[in-house]
Amino acid sequence: MIGAILALLAPLGAHAAPTDSFARIDQINRASLVMTAETGIVPRPLAATIARALDQVAADAAKPGAERPDDYLRIEPLITAIAGPEATRMHSGRSRQDIIPTVLKLEQRDRLLALAQALDETRGALLAVADREANTIVPAYTNGVQAQPTTLGHLYLGYAAVLARDAQRLREAWARLNLSPLGAAALGTSSFPVDRKRLAELLGFDAPVENSYDAGQLAPMDMGLELTGLSATLATTAGSFAQDLYAQYHQTRPWILLREGALTGPSSIMPQKRNPVALYGLRMKASDVVGAAQAFVIMAHNVDSGMPDYKRNQAEPPGRTLAEAAELCRRWTRVLDGLVVDRARAAEEVAADYSTTTELADTLQREADVPFRLGHHFASELVSYGRSHDLRPADLPFAEVRRIYAEAAAGTGLKPDLPLDEARFRAALSARGMIDAAAGLGGPQPAEVRRMLARARERLEADRAWRDDRRKGLADARARLDTAFAALTHEP
C-alpha cells in the first residue's frame, strides 16, 4: 500500500530530464565564439581551433559517467587543454556575472514553457468536465455555507477563467524573461566591441537587457520574484480547488469522488477507507510551490544588489519552483480526469436546503412588484419555519406559505395575499427554475455556460498556439547558432 501511494505522489508522466548547466554554458560558449569571430575579437583561424575544442569537450562530457561541470571556470581548463591558452580570448568582454544569469534564464524560459503546457492541459481537463457536467446542478458555498445552486459546468468554468489569467500572466512574464544578460560582463560591459544584440539573437532572446548593471545584478532578483510569484498564485488556486473537493470527502454521502484505483489508497487498518491520495497529493504539491516562492522572497529580501543569494546556479529556486508548478498542474489534470459525479446526490443536497430563496424574493419583485426587502423577509421566515419543522423547501405546505406571507406583509400597505399561485411559487423555489431564470452576464443559465465554454476553448487554443510559436522560435534560433558555429569548425 505504501509503495502504491508513494508511486502516486511521484512526478506523474514520463518527462525528459531538463538540459543541465554544462549544456547551457556550452550553448553560451558557442554563441560567444560566433559573435567574437564575427566582430574580430577572435581571429577566425583561432575561432576554428576553439570551435573544434568545444565540440571535443562536449563529446567527452556526453560519455557515460563523465563529469559535466556547472561552472565556467571549471570548463575553461578543459577547452584550453585542447586549444591552448589562446582559447581564453573567447571570454573577452564576459564574466561569470553575466554567464550565470544567462544560464538561469535559459533554464527559466524552458521551465516556463513546460509550465505553460502543463497549465494548458489542466485548463483542457477543466473544460472537458465543464462541458460534460454543464447541466449538473450542484450546491455552491459562500462563507463555508451552502449559498445558491449552480451547475458544475458553471463552477469549473470559473476555475478555468482563473487559469486563463494565470496563462496571461505567464505570457506577460515571458516578455520580460526572454531578454539576454550576456555581454554585460561584470556589470559595466567592457572595452571590447561585444555585440550584445547578436548574442541575444544567437541564444533565441528577443533582445538584451539594456542596462548592463540591471542585466546581471538586479533583473535576476525581480524576475525570480515574478516567476515564483506567478507559480504561487497558480498553486493557491489549486489548493482552493482541492479544499472544495475535500468539503465533499468529509461527508458520509459525497456527490463527487475520485475513481477508485490508482487515484485512491486503502487504509492499513480500516477496510471502509478509500483515501483520496491524488487529491492530497495535489494539495501537498500546492504547498510545496507556495513554500518555495516564499523561500525565494526571504532569500532575496534585504540582500545587497549583486550578491549571489538570489542567482544561485545550483538548484536555482525560480526554475525549480516553475518545475514544481508544472508538476502540480499534471497532478491537477489527473484529479480532473478521475472525477466521478453523482448527479442525483448533488441535486438531493441542493434540494435539502433553502439556497433558492433569493430567487423567490426576486420573482416577487419582478412579477408582483413586491419590494425586495419584503420578499427577502418573507423568504427568511419561510426558511425559519421549514427548518424548525424539518421540512425541505419542496415539502412546505402551501397554506403555511400563504400565512407566513400575510404576516410578513402586515403593516406594509401591501395586500396580505401571496401574489403567486402554488405552481409558480414552487417553480421559483426550485434549483432548475433559479438557474434557468438567471439573466446576467456570466451566470449559470445554459446559454451563458455554452457561450463561456466556447470562449474559453478559443482562448486555450490561442495560448497553445502562442506556446508552440515560442518553442519554434527557440528551435529556429538554436538551428541558426548551430549553422554559424559549424561554419567556424570548417575554417582552415
Protein backbone atom coordinates (compact mmCIF):
# COMPACT_ATOMS: atom_id res chain seq x y z
CA MET A 1 0.00 0.00 0.00
CA ILE A 2 2.77 2.47 0.95
CA GLY A 3 4.57 1.75 -2.31
CA ALA A 4 1.41 2.48 -4.30
CA ILE A 5 0.87 5.77 -2.52
CA LEU A 6 4.49 6.85 -2.97
CA ALA A 7 4.27 5.97 -6.64
CA LEU A 8 1.17 8.11 -6.99
CA LEU A 9 2.80 11.07 -5.26
CA ALA A 10 5.87 10.82 -7.50
CA PRO A 11 6.04 13.02 -10.63
CA LEU A 12 3.25 11.98 -12.97
CA GLY A 13 4.07 11.04 -16.54
CA ALA A 14 7.34 10.46 -18.33
CA HIS A 15 9.19 13.70 -18.99
CA ALA A 16 12.69 14.08 -20.39
CA ALA A 17 15.27 15.42 -17.96
CA PRO A 18 15.92 19.14 -18.49
CA THR A 19 19.15 20.28 -20.13
CA ASP A 20 21.81 20.77 -17.46
CA SER A 21 24.05 23.75 -16.69
CA PHE A 22 27.00 22.24 -18.55
CA ALA A 23 24.95 22.13 -21.77
CA ARG A 24 23.72 25.68 -21.25
CA ILE A 25 27.24 27.00 -20.69
CA ASP A 26 28.30 25.15 -23.84
CA GLN A 27 25.49 26.87 -25.74
CA ILE A 28 26.64 30.24 -24.38
CA ASN A 29 30.24 29.50 -25.33
CA ARG A 30 29.22 28.68 -28.88
CA ALA A 31 27.22 31.89 -29.20
CA SER A 32 30.11 33.90 -27.73
CA LEU A 33 32.59 32.30 -30.12
CA VAL A 34 30.42 33.04 -33.16
CA MET A 35 29.99 36.67 -32.08
CA THR A 36 33.66 37.24 -31.20
CA ALA A 37 34.69 35.78 -34.56
CA GLU A 38 32.20 37.98 -36.42
CA THR A 39 33.37 41.14 -34.63
CA GLY A 40 37.08 40.32 -34.99
CA ILE A 41 37.70 39.96 -31.29
CA VAL A 42 38.90 36.41 -32.03
CA PRO A 43 40.71 35.77 -35.34
CA ARG A 44 38.76 33.29 -37.46
CA PRO A 45 41.58 30.68 -37.63
CA LEU A 46 41.76 30.71 -33.83
CA ALA A 47 37.94 30.59 -33.66
CA ALA A 48 38.04 27.41 -35.75
CA THR A 49 40.50 25.85 -33.29
CA ILE A 50 38.35 26.85 -30.31
CA ALA A 51 35.21 25.56 -32.04
CA ARG A 52 36.74 22.14 -32.56
CA ALA A 53 37.84 22.15 -28.91
CA LEU A 54 34.31 22.97 -27.78
CA ASP A 55 32.99 20.06 -29.83
CA GLN A 56 35.54 17.74 -28.22
CA VAL A 57 34.77 18.91 -24.68
CA ALA A 58 31.04 18.42 -25.33
CA ALA A 59 31.63 14.93 -26.76
CA ASP A 60 33.79 13.95 -23.79
CA ALA A 61 31.17 15.21 -21.34
CA ALA A 62 28.48 13.16 -23.10
CA LYS A 63 30.25 9.88 -22.38
CA PRO A 64 28.68 7.65 -19.69
CA GLY A 65 29.88 8.64 -16.22
CA ALA A 66 31.75 11.70 -17.49
CA GLU A 67 31.89 14.82 -15.34
CA ARG A 68 29.75 17.72 -16.52
CA PRO A 69 30.97 20.84 -14.66
CA ASP A 70 28.42 23.56 -13.97
CA ASP A 71 30.96 26.40 -13.53
CA TYR A 72 32.65 28.14 -16.45
CA LEU A 73 35.96 28.33 -14.59
CA ARG A 74 35.96 24.52 -14.40
CA ILE A 75 35.04 24.16 -18.06
CA GLU A 76 37.60 26.61 -19.42
CA PRO A 77 40.61 24.42 -18.48
CA LEU A 78 39.06 21.57 -20.47
CA ILE A 79 38.95 23.84 -23.51
CA THR A 80 42.47 25.23 -23.11
CA ALA A 81 43.86 21.73 -22.61
CA ILE A 82 42.87 21.11 -26.23
CA ALA A 83 43.12 24.54 -27.88
CA GLY A 84 45.78 26.20 -25.74
CA PRO A 85 45.67 29.37 -23.64
CA GLU A 86 44.69 31.46 -26.66
CA ALA A 87 41.24 29.90 -26.37
CA THR A 88 40.52 32.21 -23.42
CA ARG A 89 40.09 35.05 -25.95
CA MET A 90 36.56 33.67 -26.38
CA HIS A 91 35.87 35.00 -22.88
CA SER A 92 36.68 38.60 -23.88
CA GLY A 93 34.07 41.00 -22.53
CA ARG A 94 32.43 38.27 -20.44
CA SER A 95 32.22 37.40 -16.77
CA ARG A 96 30.60 34.75 -14.67
CA GLN A 97 28.46 37.70 -13.53
CA ASP A 98 26.68 37.67 -16.91
CA ILE A 99 27.17 33.98 -17.73
CA ILE A 100 25.35 32.74 -14.63
CA PRO A 101 22.23 34.93 -15.12
CA THR A 102 22.17 33.79 -18.75
CA VAL A 103 22.35 30.14 -17.70
CA LEU A 104 19.48 30.75 -15.30
CA LYS A 105 17.36 32.46 -17.95
CA LEU A 106 17.94 29.64 -20.42
CA GLU A 107 16.60 27.26 -17.79
CA GLN A 108 13.76 29.51 -16.67
CA ARG A 109 12.35 30.02 -20.12
CA ASP A 110 12.35 26.25 -20.77
CA ARG A 111 10.63 25.73 -17.43
CA LEU A 112 8.13 28.49 -18.17
CA LEU A 113 7.14 26.90 -21.47
CA ALA A 114 6.86 23.49 -19.77
CA LEU A 115 4.59 25.10 -17.16
CA ALA A 116 2.55 26.69 -19.95
CA GLN A 117 1.98 23.26 -21.50
CA ALA A 118 1.01 21.63 -18.19
CA LEU A 119 -1.27 24.56 -17.36
CA ASP A 120 -2.99 24.33 -20.73
CA GLU A 121 -3.55 20.60 -20.20
CA THR A 122 -5.22 21.35 -16.86
CA ARG A 123 -7.39 24.00 -18.49
CA GLY A 124 -8.39 21.49 -21.14
CA ALA A 125 -9.33 18.95 -18.47
CA LEU A 126 -11.41 21.57 -16.62
CA LEU A 127 -13.25 22.47 -19.79
CA ALA A 128 -13.92 18.80 -20.54
CA VAL A 129 -15.57 18.36 -17.12
CA ALA A 130 -17.43 21.67 -17.52
CA ASP A 131 -18.82 20.50 -20.86
CA ARG A 132 -19.79 17.06 -19.57
CA GLU A 133 -21.42 18.48 -16.43
CA ALA A 134 -22.85 21.68 -17.93
CA ASN A 135 -26.36 20.86 -16.65
CA THR A 136 -25.41 19.09 -13.43
CA ILE A 137 -26.96 21.07 -10.56
CA VAL A 138 -24.67 21.33 -7.53
CA PRO A 139 -24.55 23.41 -4.35
CA ALA A 140 -22.17 26.35 -4.19
CA TYR A 141 -20.88 27.87 -0.98
CA THR A 142 -20.00 31.26 0.47
CA ASN A 143 -18.55 31.70 3.95
CA GLY A 144 -18.42 27.91 4.15
CA VAL A 145 -22.22 27.61 3.99
CA GLN A 146 -24.41 26.48 1.10
CA ALA A 147 -25.36 29.70 -0.71
CA GLN A 148 -27.07 29.17 -4.06
CA PRO A 149 -27.29 26.37 -6.58
CA THR A 150 -25.26 26.47 -9.75
CA THR A 151 -24.06 23.88 -12.23
CA LEU A 152 -20.77 22.06 -12.07
CA GLY A 153 -20.10 23.34 -15.56
CA HIS A 154 -20.53 26.93 -14.41
CA LEU A 155 -18.39 26.35 -11.34
CA TYR A 156 -15.50 24.78 -13.24
CA LEU A 157 -15.65 27.45 -15.92
CA GLY A 158 -14.91 29.81 -13.05
CA TYR A 159 -11.75 27.88 -12.24
CA ALA A 160 -10.86 27.80 -15.95
CA ALA A 161 -11.16 31.59 -16.02
CA VAL A 162 -8.63 31.84 -13.19
CA LEU A 163 -6.21 29.57 -15.04
CA ALA A 164 -6.68 31.67 -18.19
CA ARG A 165 -5.47 34.66 -16.16
CA ASP A 166 -2.51 32.58 -14.98
CA ALA A 167 -1.72 31.84 -18.62
CA GLN A 168 -1.92 35.56 -19.38
CA ARG A 169 0.47 36.32 -16.52
CA LEU A 170 2.82 33.68 -17.89
CA ARG A 171 2.81 35.24 -21.36
CA GLU A 172 3.45 38.68 -19.90
CA ALA A 173 6.30 37.31 -17.80
CA TRP A 174 7.85 35.74 -20.91
CA ALA A 175 8.25 39.19 -22.48
CA ARG A 176 10.37 40.28 -19.51
CA LEU A 177 12.15 36.94 -19.08
CA ASN A 178 13.31 36.43 -22.65
CA LEU A 179 15.90 39.22 -22.56
CA SER A 180 19.61 38.42 -22.59
CA PRO A 181 22.11 39.41 -19.87
CA LEU A 182 25.07 38.13 -21.90
CA GLY A 183 27.75 40.69 -22.80
CA ALA A 184 27.08 42.85 -19.75
CA ALA A 185 30.34 41.47 -18.29
CA ALA A 186 30.77 42.02 -14.55
CA LEU A 187 28.33 44.95 -14.60
CA GLY A 188 29.66 47.73 -16.86
CA THR A 189 30.38 45.93 -20.17
CA SER A 190 33.98 46.17 -21.45
CA SER A 191 36.26 47.87 -23.97
CA PHE A 192 35.78 45.02 -26.46
CA PRO A 193 33.27 45.55 -29.31
CA VAL A 194 30.88 42.94 -27.91
CA ASP A 195 27.67 42.75 -29.95
CA ARG A 196 25.07 42.09 -27.27
CA LYS A 197 22.20 42.12 -29.78
CA ARG A 198 23.90 39.39 -31.80
CA LEU A 199 24.43 37.31 -28.64
CA ALA A 200 20.75 37.68 -27.79
CA GLU A 201 19.75 36.63 -31.29
CA LEU A 202 22.01 33.56 -31.29
CA LEU A 203 20.51 32.38 -27.99
CA GLY A 204 16.90 32.97 -29.01
CA PHE A 205 16.33 36.01 -26.79
CA ASP A 206 14.12 38.83 -28.05
CA ALA A 207 16.72 41.49 -27.13
CA PRO A 208 19.38 42.22 -24.49
CA VAL A 209 18.54 43.56 -21.03
CA GLU A 210 19.57 47.11 -21.87
CA ASN A 211 21.24 48.37 -18.68
CA SER A 212 24.32 46.26 -18.04
CA TYR A 213 24.09 46.62 -14.25
CA ASP A 214 20.46 45.58 -14.30
CA ALA A 215 21.27 42.64 -16.60
CA GLY A 216 23.42 40.69 -14.18
CA GLN A 217 22.77 42.22 -10.77
CA LEU A 218 19.13 43.35 -10.49
CA ALA A 219 17.00 41.54 -13.07
CA PRO A 220 17.74 38.08 -11.59
CA MET A 221 16.07 39.20 -8.36
CA ASP A 222 12.85 40.81 -9.58
CA MET A 223 12.47 38.25 -12.38
CA GLY A 224 12.82 35.46 -9.83
CA LEU A 225 10.18 37.10 -7.65
CA GLU A 226 7.84 37.35 -10.63
CA LEU A 227 8.28 33.73 -11.70
CA THR A 228 7.92 32.29 -8.21
CA GLY A 229 5.01 34.66 -7.56
CA LEU A 230 3.01 33.54 -10.57
CA SER A 231 3.70 29.93 -9.56
CA ALA A 232 2.38 30.64 -6.06
CA THR A 233 -0.74 32.31 -7.46
CA LEU A 234 -1.47 29.21 -9.52
CA ALA A 235 -0.78 26.94 -6.54
CA THR A 236 -3.15 28.93 -4.31
CA THR A 237 -5.98 28.34 -6.77
CA ALA A 238 -5.11 24.64 -6.94
CA GLY A 239 -5.25 24.46 -3.14
CA SER A 240 -8.67 26.11 -3.15
CA PHE A 241 -9.89 23.57 -5.71
CA ALA A 242 -8.58 20.69 -3.60
CA GLN A 243 -10.32 22.04 -0.50
CA ASP A 244 -13.59 22.35 -2.41
CA LEU A 245 -13.39 18.64 -3.13
CA TYR A 246 -12.44 17.89 0.46
CA ALA A 247 -15.69 19.55 1.56
CA GLN A 248 -17.41 16.60 -0.11
CA TYR A 249 -14.94 13.94 1.00
CA HIS A 250 -15.68 14.90 4.61
CA GLN A 251 -19.30 13.86 4.14
CA THR A 252 -20.64 10.35 4.56
CA ARG A 253 -22.52 10.65 1.25
CA PRO A 254 -20.46 12.91 -1.04
CA TRP A 255 -21.73 13.78 -4.50
CA ILE A 256 -18.28 13.92 -6.05
CA LEU A 257 -15.46 11.39 -5.63
CA LEU A 258 -12.30 10.11 -7.29
CA ARG A 259 -12.41 6.99 -9.39
CA GLU A 260 -11.24 4.11 -7.21
CA GLY A 261 -7.94 2.52 -8.10
CA ALA A 262 -4.81 4.47 -8.95
CA LEU A 263 -6.18 7.73 -7.53
CA THR A 264 -7.17 6.34 -4.14
CA GLY A 265 -5.44 4.34 -1.46
CA PRO A 266 -6.78 1.96 1.22
CA SER A 267 -6.21 2.23 4.94
CA SER A 268 -3.85 -0.24 6.60
CA ILE A 269 -6.44 -0.89 9.34
CA MET A 270 -9.87 0.41 8.29
CA PRO A 271 -11.50 -1.62 5.50
CA GLN A 272 -14.02 1.08 4.62
CA LYS A 273 -11.45 3.79 3.86
CA ARG A 274 -10.77 4.99 0.32
CA ASN A 275 -8.21 7.68 0.91
CA PRO A 276 -8.09 10.39 -1.80
CA VAL A 277 -4.35 10.04 -2.41
CA ALA A 278 -4.35 12.01 -5.67
CA LEU A 279 -6.26 14.84 -4.02
CA TYR A 280 -3.96 15.31 -1.08
CA GLY A 281 -1.01 14.80 -3.40
CA LEU A 282 -2.29 17.83 -5.33
CA ARG A 283 -2.74 19.87 -2.18
CA MET A 284 0.73 18.99 -0.85
CA LYS A 285 2.33 19.94 -4.16
CA ALA A 286 0.49 23.26 -3.99
CA SER A 287 2.01 23.78 -0.55
CA ASP A 288 5.46 22.94 -1.94
CA VAL A 289 5.11 25.65 -4.58
CA VAL A 290 3.82 28.29 -2.17
CA GLY A 291 6.62 27.42 0.26
CA ALA A 292 9.29 27.63 -2.45
CA ALA A 293 8.00 31.02 -3.56
CA GLN A 294 8.17 32.34 -0.02
CA ALA A 295 11.67 30.93 0.37
CA PHE A 296 12.85 32.94 -2.63
CA VAL A 297 11.31 36.12 -1.21
CA ILE A 298 13.23 35.55 2.00
CA MET A 299 16.38 34.72 0.05
CA ALA A 300 16.20 37.96 -1.95
CA HIS A 301 14.88 40.23 0.81
CA ASN A 302 17.30 42.77 2.34
CA VAL A 303 20.25 41.48 0.30
CA ASP A 304 22.71 43.90 -1.28
CA SER A 305 22.38 44.05 -5.06
CA GLY A 306 24.94 41.88 -6.79
CA MET A 307 25.04 39.23 -4.07
CA PRO A 308 24.75 35.58 -5.14
CA ASP A 309 21.83 34.70 -2.83
CA TYR A 310 19.14 35.17 -5.48
CA LYS A 311 21.10 33.94 -8.52
CA ARG A 312 22.46 30.60 -7.39
CA ASN A 313 23.36 28.19 -10.15
CA GLN A 314 22.75 25.05 -8.09
CA ALA A 315 19.09 24.00 -7.70
CA GLU A 316 18.12 27.51 -8.76
CA PRO A 317 14.89 28.44 -6.91
CA PRO A 318 12.80 30.17 -9.62
CA GLY A 319 13.41 27.42 -12.17
CA ARG A 320 12.77 24.74 -9.57
CA THR A 321 9.55 26.45 -8.48
CA LEU A 322 8.34 26.60 -12.09
CA ALA A 323 9.05 22.87 -12.40
CA GLU A 324 7.10 22.18 -9.19
CA ALA A 325 4.20 24.26 -10.53
CA ALA A 326 4.19 22.20 -13.74
CA GLU A 327 4.09 19.01 -11.67
CA LEU A 328 1.20 20.50 -9.68
CA CYS A 329 -0.72 21.02 -12.95
CA ARG A 330 -0.08 17.44 -14.01
CA ARG A 331 -1.48 16.19 -10.68
CA TRP A 332 -4.47 18.52 -11.03
CA THR A 333 -5.19 17.19 -14.52
CA ARG A 334 -5.09 13.64 -13.20
CA VAL A 335 -7.61 14.51 -10.47
CA LEU A 336 -9.92 16.11 -13.03
CA ASP A 337 -9.69 13.11 -15.32
CA GLY A 338 -10.68 10.85 -12.40
CA LEU A 339 -13.70 12.76 -11.04
CA VAL A 340 -16.88 10.74 -10.54
CA VAL A 341 -20.02 12.89 -10.15
CA ASP A 342 -23.23 11.56 -8.60
CA ARG A 343 -25.72 13.95 -10.21
CA ALA A 344 -28.74 12.68 -8.30
CA ARG A 345 -26.92 13.01 -4.98
CA ALA A 346 -25.84 16.57 -5.85
CA ALA A 347 -29.41 17.53 -6.70
CA GLU A 348 -30.58 15.94 -3.47
CA GLU A 349 -28.13 18.04 -1.45
CA VAL A 350 -29.33 21.22 -3.13
CA ALA A 351 -32.97 20.27 -2.54
CA ALA A 352 -32.32 19.64 1.15
CA ASP A 353 -31.52 23.30 1.87
CA TYR A 354 -33.06 26.69 1.20
CA SER A 355 -30.44 28.03 -1.20
CA THR A 356 -33.02 29.09 -3.81
CA THR A 357 -34.92 31.58 -1.66
CA THR A 358 -33.15 34.56 -3.24
CA GLU A 359 -34.94 33.72 -6.49
CA LEU A 360 -38.27 33.62 -4.63
CA ALA A 361 -37.70 37.20 -3.46
CA ASP A 362 -36.56 38.21 -6.95
CA THR A 363 -39.66 36.63 -8.52
CA LEU A 364 -41.96 38.51 -6.16
CA GLN A 365 -40.30 41.79 -7.13
CA ARG A 366 -40.21 41.11 -10.90
CA GLU A 367 -43.70 39.64 -11.26
CA ALA A 368 -45.72 41.21 -8.43
CA ASP A 369 -43.85 44.44 -7.63
CA VAL A 370 -43.16 43.30 -4.06
CA PRO A 371 -40.15 45.27 -2.69
CA PHE A 372 -37.09 43.05 -2.47
CA ARG A 373 -36.54 43.61 1.24
CA LEU A 374 -40.10 42.48 2.00
CA GLY A 375 -39.65 39.47 -0.27
CA HIS A 376 -36.35 38.74 1.47
CA HIS A 377 -38.03 38.94 4.89
CA PHE A 378 -40.83 36.62 3.77
CA ALA A 379 -38.33 34.10 2.35
CA SER A 380 -36.27 34.25 5.55
CA GLU A 381 -39.36 33.49 7.63
CA LEU A 382 -40.09 30.54 5.33
CA VAL A 383 -36.60 29.21 5.99
CA SER A 384 -37.04 29.51 9.75
CA TYR A 385 -40.38 27.74 9.61
CA GLY A 386 -39.14 24.98 7.32
CA ARG A 387 -36.01 24.23 9.31
CA SER A 388 -37.85 24.25 12.63
CA HIS A 389 -40.29 21.69 11.23
CA ASP A 390 -37.60 19.62 9.47
CA LEU A 391 -39.10 20.32 6.06
CA ARG A 392 -37.34 20.62 2.73
CA PRO A 393 -38.37 23.57 0.51
CA ALA A 394 -40.40 21.30 -1.76
CA ASP A 395 -42.34 19.98 1.26
CA LEU A 396 -43.55 23.33 2.62
CA PRO A 397 -47.39 23.26 2.98
CA PHE A 398 -48.71 25.96 0.68
CA ALA A 399 -51.28 27.07 3.27
CA GLU A 400 -48.45 27.81 5.67
CA VAL A 401 -46.61 29.64 2.95
CA ARG A 402 -49.57 31.95 2.41
CA ARG A 403 -49.95 32.51 6.17
CA ILE A 404 -46.31 33.46 6.55
CA TYR A 405 -46.55 35.89 3.62
CA ALA A 406 -49.62 37.57 5.13
CA GLU A 407 -47.76 38.06 8.40
CA ALA A 408 -44.72 39.46 6.58
CA ALA A 409 -46.90 41.88 4.58
CA ALA A 410 -48.83 43.13 7.62
CA GLY A 411 -48.37 46.84 8.18
CA THR A 412 -46.61 47.42 4.82
CA GLY A 413 -49.66 48.60 2.89
CA LEU A 414 -49.49 45.56 0.60
CA LYS A 415 -52.29 43.07 0.22
CA PRO A 416 -51.87 40.05 2.53
CA ASP A 417 -52.49 37.55 -0.29
CA LEU A 418 -49.40 35.87 -1.73
CA PRO A 419 -49.32 37.06 -5.37
CA LEU A 420 -48.08 33.70 -6.68
CA ASP A 421 -50.07 30.56 -7.22
CA GLU A 422 -48.68 27.29 -5.90
CA ALA A 423 -47.19 26.17 -9.22
CA ARG A 424 -45.36 29.45 -9.71
CA PHE A 425 -44.21 29.50 -6.09
CA ARG A 426 -42.69 26.02 -6.33
CA ALA A 427 -41.08 26.75 -9.70
CA ALA A 428 -39.45 29.88 -8.28
CA LEU A 429 -38.15 27.85 -5.34
CA SER A 430 -36.67 25.08 -7.48
CA ALA A 431 -32.97 24.90 -8.34
CA ARG A 432 -33.65 24.36 -12.03
CA GLY A 433 -36.01 27.31 -12.07
CA MET A 434 -33.48 29.57 -10.38
CA ILE A 435 -30.65 28.59 -12.73
CA ASP A 436 -32.76 28.92 -15.87
CA ALA A 437 -34.09 32.31 -14.71
CA ALA A 438 -30.59 33.77 -14.39
CA ALA A 439 -30.17 36.56 -16.92
CA GLY A 440 -26.86 38.20 -16.08
CA LEU A 441 -23.61 38.05 -17.99
CA GLY A 442 -21.57 35.06 -16.85
CA GLY A 443 -24.40 33.36 -15.00
CA PRO A 444 -25.17 29.62 -14.80
CA GLN A 445 -28.02 29.68 -17.32
CA PRO A 446 -27.39 27.13 -20.11
CA ALA A 447 -26.94 29.69 -22.89
CA GLU A 448 -24.28 31.58 -20.91
CA VAL A 449 -22.46 28.40 -19.94
CA ARG A 450 -22.30 27.36 -23.61
CA ARG A 451 -21.07 30.83 -24.62
CA MET A 452 -18.39 30.91 -21.93
CA LEU A 453 -17.30 27.38 -22.75
CA ALA A 454 -16.81 28.28 -26.42
CA ARG A 455 -14.89 31.43 -25.48
CA ALA A 456 -12.68 29.52 -23.02
CA ARG A 457 -11.81 26.98 -25.71
CA GLU A 458 -10.85 29.78 -28.11
CA ARG A 459 -8.55 31.32 -25.51
CA LEU A 460 -6.99 27.95 -24.77
CA GLU A 461 -6.26 27.31 -28.44
CA ALA A 462 -4.71 30.78 -28.77
CA ASP A 463 -2.49 30.10 -25.76
CA ARG A 464 -1.41 26.75 -27.18
CA ALA A 465 -0.51 28.47 -30.45
CA TRP A 466 1.50 31.09 -28.53
CA ARG A 467 3.44 28.37 -26.72
CA ASP A 468 4.16 26.44 -29.90
CA ASP A 469 5.33 29.62 -31.59
CA ARG A 470 7.75 30.39 -28.75
CA ARG A 471 9.18 26.88 -28.86
CA LYS A 472 9.59 27.11 -32.61
CA GLY A 473 11.38 30.43 -32.19
CA LEU A 474 13.86 28.88 -29.75
CA ALA A 475 14.41 25.88 -32.01
CA ASP A 476 14.99 28.14 -35.02
CA ALA A 477 17.49 30.24 -33.06
CA ARG A 478 19.37 27.12 -31.99
CA ALA A 479 19.48 25.94 -35.60
CA ARG A 480 20.94 29.27 -36.69
CA LEU A 481 23.54 29.10 -33.91
CA ASP A 482 24.48 25.55 -34.90
CA THR A 483 24.85 26.59 -38.54
CA ALA A 484 27.04 29.58 -37.69
CA PHE A 485 29.13 27.51 -35.30
CA ALA A 486 29.54 24.66 -37.79
CA ALA A 487 30.87 27.14 -40.32
CA LEU A 488 33.61 28.05 -37.85
CA THR A 489 34.68 24.44 -37.37
CA HIS A 490 35.28 24.18 -41.14
CA GLU A 491 37.56 27.21 -41.22
CA PRO A 492 41.11 26.28 -42.34
